[in-house]
PDB file of N, CA and C in Angstrom:
ATOM      1  N   UNK A   1      92.520  95.272 114.091  1.00  0.00           N
ATOM      2  CA  UNK A   1      93.219  95.513 112.836  1.00  0.00           C
ATOM      3  C   UNK A   1      93.606  96.990 112.774  1.00  0.00           C
ATOM      4  N   UNK A   2      94.880  97.242 112.551  1.00  0.00           N
ATOM      5  CA  UNK A   2      95.370  98.606 112.401  1.00  0.00           C
ATOM      6  C   UNK A   2      95.264  99.017 110.943  1.00  0.00           C
ATOM      7  N   UNK A   3      94.904 100.268 110.706  1.00  0.00           N
ATOM      8  CA  UNK A   3      94.748 100.761 109.332  1.00  0.00           C
ATOM      9  C   UNK A   3      96.064 100.799 108.564  1.00  0.00           C
ATOM     10  N   UNK A   4      97.192 100.957 109.280  1.00  0.00           N
ATOM     11  CA  UNK A   4      98.476 101.045 108.589  1.00  0.00           C
ATOM     12  C   UNK A   4      99.168  99.687 108.463  1.00  0.00           C
ATOM     13  N   UNK A   5      98.476  98.630 108.856  1.00  0.00           N
ATOM     14  CA  UNK A   5      99.027  97.281 108.798  1.00  0.00           C
ATOM     15  C   UNK A   5      99.136  96.791 107.355  1.00  0.00           C
ATOM     16  N   UNK A   6     100.258  96.158 107.016  1.00  0.00           N
ATOM     17  CA  UNK A   6     100.445  95.572 105.698  1.00  0.00           C
ATOM     18  C   UNK A   6     100.329  94.059 105.825  1.00  0.00           C
ATOM     19  N   UNK A   7      99.455  93.479 105.005  1.00  0.00           N
ATOM     20  CA  UNK A   7      99.184  92.043 105.072  1.00  0.00           C
ATOM     21  C   UNK A   7      99.858  91.305 103.932  1.00  0.00           C
ATOM     22  N   UNK A   8     100.243  90.076 104.203  1.00  0.00           N
ATOM     23  CA  UNK A   8     100.739  89.202 103.145  1.00  0.00           C
ATOM     24  C   UNK A   8      99.538  88.669 102.378  1.00  0.00           C
ATOM     25  N   UNK A   9      99.800  88.052 101.243  1.00  0.00           N
ATOM     26  CA  UNK A   9      98.713  87.458 100.457  1.00  0.00           C
ATOM     27  C   UNK A   9      97.951  86.410 101.278  1.00  0.00           C
ATOM     28  N   UNK A  10      98.623  85.476 101.967  1.00  0.00           N
ATOM     29  CA  UNK A  10      97.871  84.501 102.766  1.00  0.00           C
ATOM     30  C   UNK A  10      97.043  85.144 103.881  1.00  0.00           C
ATOM     31  N   UNK A  11      97.548  86.211 104.489  1.00  0.00           N
ATOM     32  CA  UNK A  11      96.792  86.899 105.537  1.00  0.00           C
ATOM     33  C   UNK A  11      95.543  87.558 104.959  1.00  0.00           C
ATOM     34  N   UNK A  12      95.678  88.211 103.807  1.00  0.00           N
ATOM     35  CA  UNK A  12      94.532  88.845 103.147  1.00  0.00           C
ATOM     36  C   UNK A  12      93.510  87.790 102.729  1.00  0.00           C
ATOM     37  N   UNK A  13      93.992  86.660 102.208  1.00  0.00           N
ATOM     38  CA  UNK A  13      93.090  85.562 101.826  1.00  0.00           C
ATOM     39  C   UNK A  13      92.289  85.096 103.034  1.00  0.00           C
ATOM     40  N   UNK A  14      92.960  84.941 104.157  1.00  0.00           N
ATOM     41  CA  UNK A  14      92.295  84.464 105.373  1.00  0.00           C
ATOM     42  C   UNK A  14      91.262  85.470 105.870  1.00  0.00           C
ATOM     43  N   UNK A  15      91.597  86.745 105.836  1.00  0.00           N
ATOM     44  CA  UNK A  15      90.650  87.763 106.334  1.00  0.00           C
ATOM     45  C   UNK A  15      89.417  87.880 105.441  1.00  0.00           C
ATOM     46  N   UNK A  16      89.612  87.741 104.126  1.00  0.00           N
ATOM     47  CA  UNK A  16      88.473  87.823 103.211  1.00  0.00           C
ATOM     48  C   UNK A  16      87.796  86.463 103.004  1.00  0.00           C
ATOM     49  N   UNK A  17      88.455  85.401 103.481  1.00  0.00           N
ATOM     50  CA  UNK A  17      87.943  84.033 103.321  1.00  0.00           C
ATOM     51  C   UNK A  17      87.713  83.694 101.845  1.00  0.00           C
ATOM     52  N   UNK A  18      88.763  83.979 101.047  1.00  0.00           N
ATOM     53  CA  UNK A  18      88.736  83.684  99.619  1.00  0.00           C
ATOM     54  C   UNK A  18      90.004  82.925  99.245  1.00  0.00           C
ATOM     55  N   UNK A  19      90.003  82.332  98.081  1.00  0.00           N
ATOM     56  CA  UNK A  19      91.154  81.590  97.601  1.00  0.00           C
ATOM     57  C   UNK A  19      92.209  82.485  96.982  1.00  0.00           C
ATOM     58  N   UNK A  20      93.364  81.886  96.758  1.00  0.00           N
ATOM     59  CA  UNK A  20      94.513  82.596  96.211  1.00  0.00           C
ATOM     60  C   UNK A  20      94.214  83.177  94.819  1.00  0.00           C
ATOM     61  N   UNK A  21      93.608  82.389  93.944  1.00  0.00           N
ATOM     62  CA  UNK A  21      93.353  82.877  92.585  1.00  0.00           C
ATOM     63  C   UNK A  21      92.356  84.029  92.589  1.00  0.00           C
ATOM     64  N   UNK A  22      91.371  83.985  93.465  1.00  0.00           N
ATOM     65  CA  UNK A  22      90.398  85.088  93.559  1.00  0.00           C
ATOM     66  C   UNK A  22      91.091  86.350  94.047  1.00  0.00           C
ATOM     67  N   UNK A  23      91.959  86.212  95.054  1.00  0.00           N
ATOM     68  CA  UNK A  23      92.674  87.380  95.565  1.00  0.00           C
ATOM     69  C   UNK A  23      93.562  87.982  94.484  1.00  0.00           C
ATOM     70  N   UNK A  24      94.315  87.139  93.785  1.00  0.00           N
ATOM     71  CA  UNK A  24      95.182  87.661  92.729  1.00  0.00           C
ATOM     72  C   UNK A  24      94.369  88.278  91.591  1.00  0.00           C
ATOM     73  N   UNK A  25      93.171  87.784  91.337  1.00  0.00           N
ATOM     74  CA  UNK A  25      92.306  88.402  90.329  1.00  0.00           C
ATOM     75  C   UNK A  25      91.893  89.800  90.783  1.00  0.00           C
ATOM     76  N   UNK A  26      91.560  89.966  92.064  1.00  0.00           N
ATOM     77  CA  UNK A  26      91.214  91.283  92.595  1.00  0.00           C
ATOM     78  C   UNK A  26      92.400  92.237  92.490  1.00  0.00           C
ATOM     79  N   UNK A  27      93.601  91.728  92.743  1.00  0.00           N
ATOM     80  CA  UNK A  27      94.798  92.561  92.632  1.00  0.00           C
ATOM     81  C   UNK A  27      95.083  92.922  91.180  1.00  0.00           C
ATOM     82  N   UNK A  28      94.977  91.933  90.296  1.00  0.00           N
ATOM     83  CA  UNK A  28      95.266  92.152  88.874  1.00  0.00           C
ATOM     84  C   UNK A  28      94.324  93.172  88.254  1.00  0.00           C
ATOM     85  N   UNK A  29      93.044  93.126  88.636  1.00  0.00           N
ATOM     86  CA  UNK A  29      92.049  94.045  88.090  1.00  0.00           C
ATOM     87  C   UNK A  29      91.964  95.352  88.875  1.00  0.00           C
ATOM     88  N   UNK A  30      92.844  95.491  89.869  1.00  0.00           N
ATOM     89  CA  UNK A  30      92.934  96.701  90.698  1.00  0.00           C
ATOM     90  C   UNK A  30      91.668  97.011  91.481  1.00  0.00           C
ATOM     91  N   UNK A  31      90.876  95.989  91.747  1.00  0.00           N
ATOM     92  CA  UNK A  31      89.730  96.176  92.636  1.00  0.00           C
ATOM     93  C   UNK A  31      90.173  96.158  94.093  1.00  0.00           C
ATOM     94  N   UNK A  32      91.379  95.641  94.337  1.00  0.00           N
ATOM     95  CA  UNK A  32      91.978  95.614  95.667  1.00  0.00           C
ATOM     96  C   UNK A  32      93.379  96.207  95.538  1.00  0.00           C
ATOM     97  N   UNK A  33      93.636  97.245  96.318  1.00  0.00           N
ATOM     98  CA  UNK A  33      94.918  97.935  96.244  1.00  0.00           C
ATOM     99  C   UNK A  33      96.020  97.113  96.905  1.00  0.00           C
ATOM    100  N   UNK A  34      97.228  97.245  96.367  1.00  0.00           N
ATOM    101  CA  UNK A  34      98.381  96.565  96.956  1.00  0.00           C
ATOM    102  C   UNK A  34      99.641  97.319  96.577  1.00  0.00           C
ATOM    103  N   UNK A  35     100.743  96.923  97.190  1.00  0.00           N
ATOM    104  CA  UNK A  35     102.025  97.480  96.828  1.00  0.00           C
ATOM    105  C   UNK A  35     103.063  96.369  96.847  1.00  0.00           C
ATOM    106  N   UNK A  36     104.140  96.607  96.143  1.00  0.00           N
ATOM    107  CA  UNK A  36     105.220  95.631  96.080  1.00  0.00           C
ATOM    108  C   UNK A  36     106.436  96.225  96.761  1.00  0.00           C
ATOM    109  N   UNK A  37     106.994  95.459  97.681  1.00  0.00           N
ATOM    110  CA  UNK A  37     108.214  95.841  98.375  1.00  0.00           C
ATOM    111  C   UNK A  37     109.243  94.776  98.012  1.00  0.00           C
ATOM    112  N   UNK A  38     110.195  95.153  97.180  1.00  0.00           N
ATOM    113  CA  UNK A  38     111.117  94.156  96.645  1.00  0.00           C
ATOM    114  C   UNK A  38     110.326  93.198  95.769  1.00  0.00           C
ATOM    115  N   UNK A  39     110.341  91.931  96.126  1.00  0.00           N
ATOM    116  CA  UNK A  39     109.543  90.938  95.390  1.00  0.00           C
ATOM    117  C   UNK A  39     108.283  90.540  96.153  1.00  0.00           C
ATOM    118  N   UNK A  40     108.061  91.173  97.301  1.00  0.00           N
ATOM    119  CA  UNK A  40     106.929  90.804  98.161  1.00  0.00           C
ATOM    120  C   UNK A  40     105.718  91.690  97.893  1.00  0.00           C
ATOM    121  N   UNK A  41     104.567  91.076  97.741  1.00  0.00           N
ATOM    122  CA  UNK A  41     103.304  91.791  97.554  1.00  0.00           C
ATOM    123  C   UNK A  41     102.685  92.002  98.933  1.00  0.00           C
ATOM    124  N   UNK A  42     102.276  93.226  99.231  1.00  0.00           N
ATOM    125  CA  UNK A  42     101.629  93.542 100.499  1.00  0.00           C
ATOM    126  C   UNK A  42     100.328  94.276 100.226  1.00  0.00           C
ATOM    127  N   UNK A  43      99.319  93.958 101.034  1.00  0.00           N
ATOM    128  CA  UNK A  43      98.003  94.569 100.900  1.00  0.00           C
ATOM    129  C   UNK A  43      97.732  95.365 102.176  1.00  0.00           C
ATOM    130  N   UNK A  44      97.522  96.678 102.053  1.00  0.00           N
ATOM    131  CA  UNK A  44      97.197  97.467 103.243  1.00  0.00           C
ATOM    132  C   UNK A  44      95.863  97.004 103.838  1.00  0.00           C
ATOM    133  N   UNK A  45      95.798  96.926 105.160  1.00  0.00           N
ATOM    134  CA  UNK A  45      94.578  96.473 105.826  1.00  0.00           C
ATOM    135  C   UNK A  45      93.392  97.360 105.462  1.00  0.00           C
ATOM    136  N   UNK A  46      93.642  98.653 105.319  1.00  0.00           N
ATOM    137  CA  UNK A  46      92.528  99.552 104.964  1.00  0.00           C
ATOM    138  C   UNK A  46      91.985  99.245 103.573  1.00  0.00           C
ATOM    139  N   UNK A  47      92.809  98.674 102.685  1.00  0.00           N
ATOM    140  CA  UNK A  47      92.339  98.316 101.346  1.00  0.00           C
ATOM    141  C   UNK A  47      91.295  97.214 101.420  1.00  0.00           C
ATOM    142  N   UNK A  48      91.445  96.290 102.376  1.00  0.00           N
ATOM    143  CA  UNK A  48      90.429  95.243 102.559  1.00  0.00           C
ATOM    144  C   UNK A  48      89.115  95.862 103.016  1.00  0.00           C
ATOM    145  N   UNK A  49      89.201  96.774 103.984  1.00  0.00           N
ATOM    146  CA  UNK A  49      87.993  97.433 104.486  1.00  0.00           C
ATOM    147  C   UNK A  49      87.324  98.243 103.379  1.00  0.00           C
ATOM    148  N   UNK A  50      88.120  98.941 102.571  1.00  0.00           N
ATOM    149  CA  UNK A  50      87.573  99.719 101.452  1.00  0.00           C
ATOM    150  C   UNK A  50      86.879  98.811 100.444  1.00  0.00           C
ATOM    151  N   UNK A  51      87.508  97.685 100.132  1.00  0.00           N
ATOM    152  CA  UNK A  51      86.930  96.738  99.172  1.00  0.00           C
ATOM    153  C   UNK A  51      85.592  96.200  99.684  1.00  0.00           C
ATOM    154  N   UNK A  52      85.546  95.807 100.933  1.00  0.00           N
ATOM    155  CA  UNK A  52      84.311  95.265 101.516  1.00  0.00           C
ATOM    156  C   UNK A  52      83.223  96.340 101.510  1.00  0.00           C
ATOM    157  N   UNK A  53      83.576  97.568 101.891  1.00  0.00           N
ATOM    158  CA  UNK A  53      82.603  98.664 101.902  1.00  0.00           C
ATOM    159  C   UNK A  53      82.029  98.918 100.509  1.00  0.00           C
ATOM    160  N   UNK A  54      82.903  98.980  99.496  1.00  0.00           N
ATOM    161  CA  UNK A  54      82.431  99.181  98.114  1.00  0.00           C
ATOM    162  C   UNK A  54      81.529  98.046  97.671  1.00  0.00           C
ATOM    163  N   UNK A  55      81.907  96.833  98.036  1.00  0.00           N
ATOM    164  CA  UNK A  55      81.120  95.652  97.667  1.00  0.00           C
ATOM    165  C   UNK A  55      79.725  95.716  98.314  1.00  0.00           C
ATOM    166  N   UNK A  56      79.652  96.131  99.569  1.00  0.00           N
ATOM    167  CA  UNK A  56      78.369  96.252 100.257  1.00  0.00           C
ATOM    168  C   UNK A  56      77.511  97.349  99.638  1.00  0.00           C
ATOM    169  N   UNK A  57      78.136  98.462  99.272  1.00  0.00           N
ATOM    170  CA  UNK A  57      77.391  99.559  98.650  1.00  0.00           C
ATOM    171  C   UNK A  57      76.830  99.149  97.296  1.00  0.00           C
ATOM    172  N   UNK A  58      77.610  98.397  96.524  1.00  0.00           N
ATOM    173  CA  UNK A  58      77.122  97.904  95.222  1.00  0.00           C
ATOM    174  C   UNK A  58      75.974  96.936  95.409  1.00  0.00           C
ATOM    175  N   UNK A  59      76.040  96.093  96.420  1.00  0.00           N
ATOM    176  CA  UNK A  59      74.993  95.100  96.674  1.00  0.00           C
ATOM    177  C   UNK A  59      73.690  95.774  97.124  1.00  0.00           C
ATOM    178  N   UNK A  60      73.803  96.945  97.760  1.00  0.00           N
ATOM    179  CA  UNK A  60      72.638  97.640  98.269  1.00  0.00           C
ATOM    180  C   UNK A  60      71.872  98.379  97.176  1.00  0.00           C
ATOM    181  N   UNK A  61      72.470  98.509  96.008  1.00  0.00           N
ATOM    182  CA  UNK A  61      71.815  99.265  94.913  1.00  0.00           C
ATOM    183  C   UNK A  61      70.734  98.465  94.265  1.00  0.00           C
TER     184      UNK A  61
END
């Protein structure tokens, strides 16, 4: 996985192994960063890694 890679919603769902509504909830609440190019939503690959890292740190507390 390249850090500068932009993922589609289905690709991000597959990598996190979560459903569409859960992913959109993470995007809506800004817990997962994304950008819009035209009408297309893209999630930077590093945003997935950041989200997982934050989630692990919270779980360790």
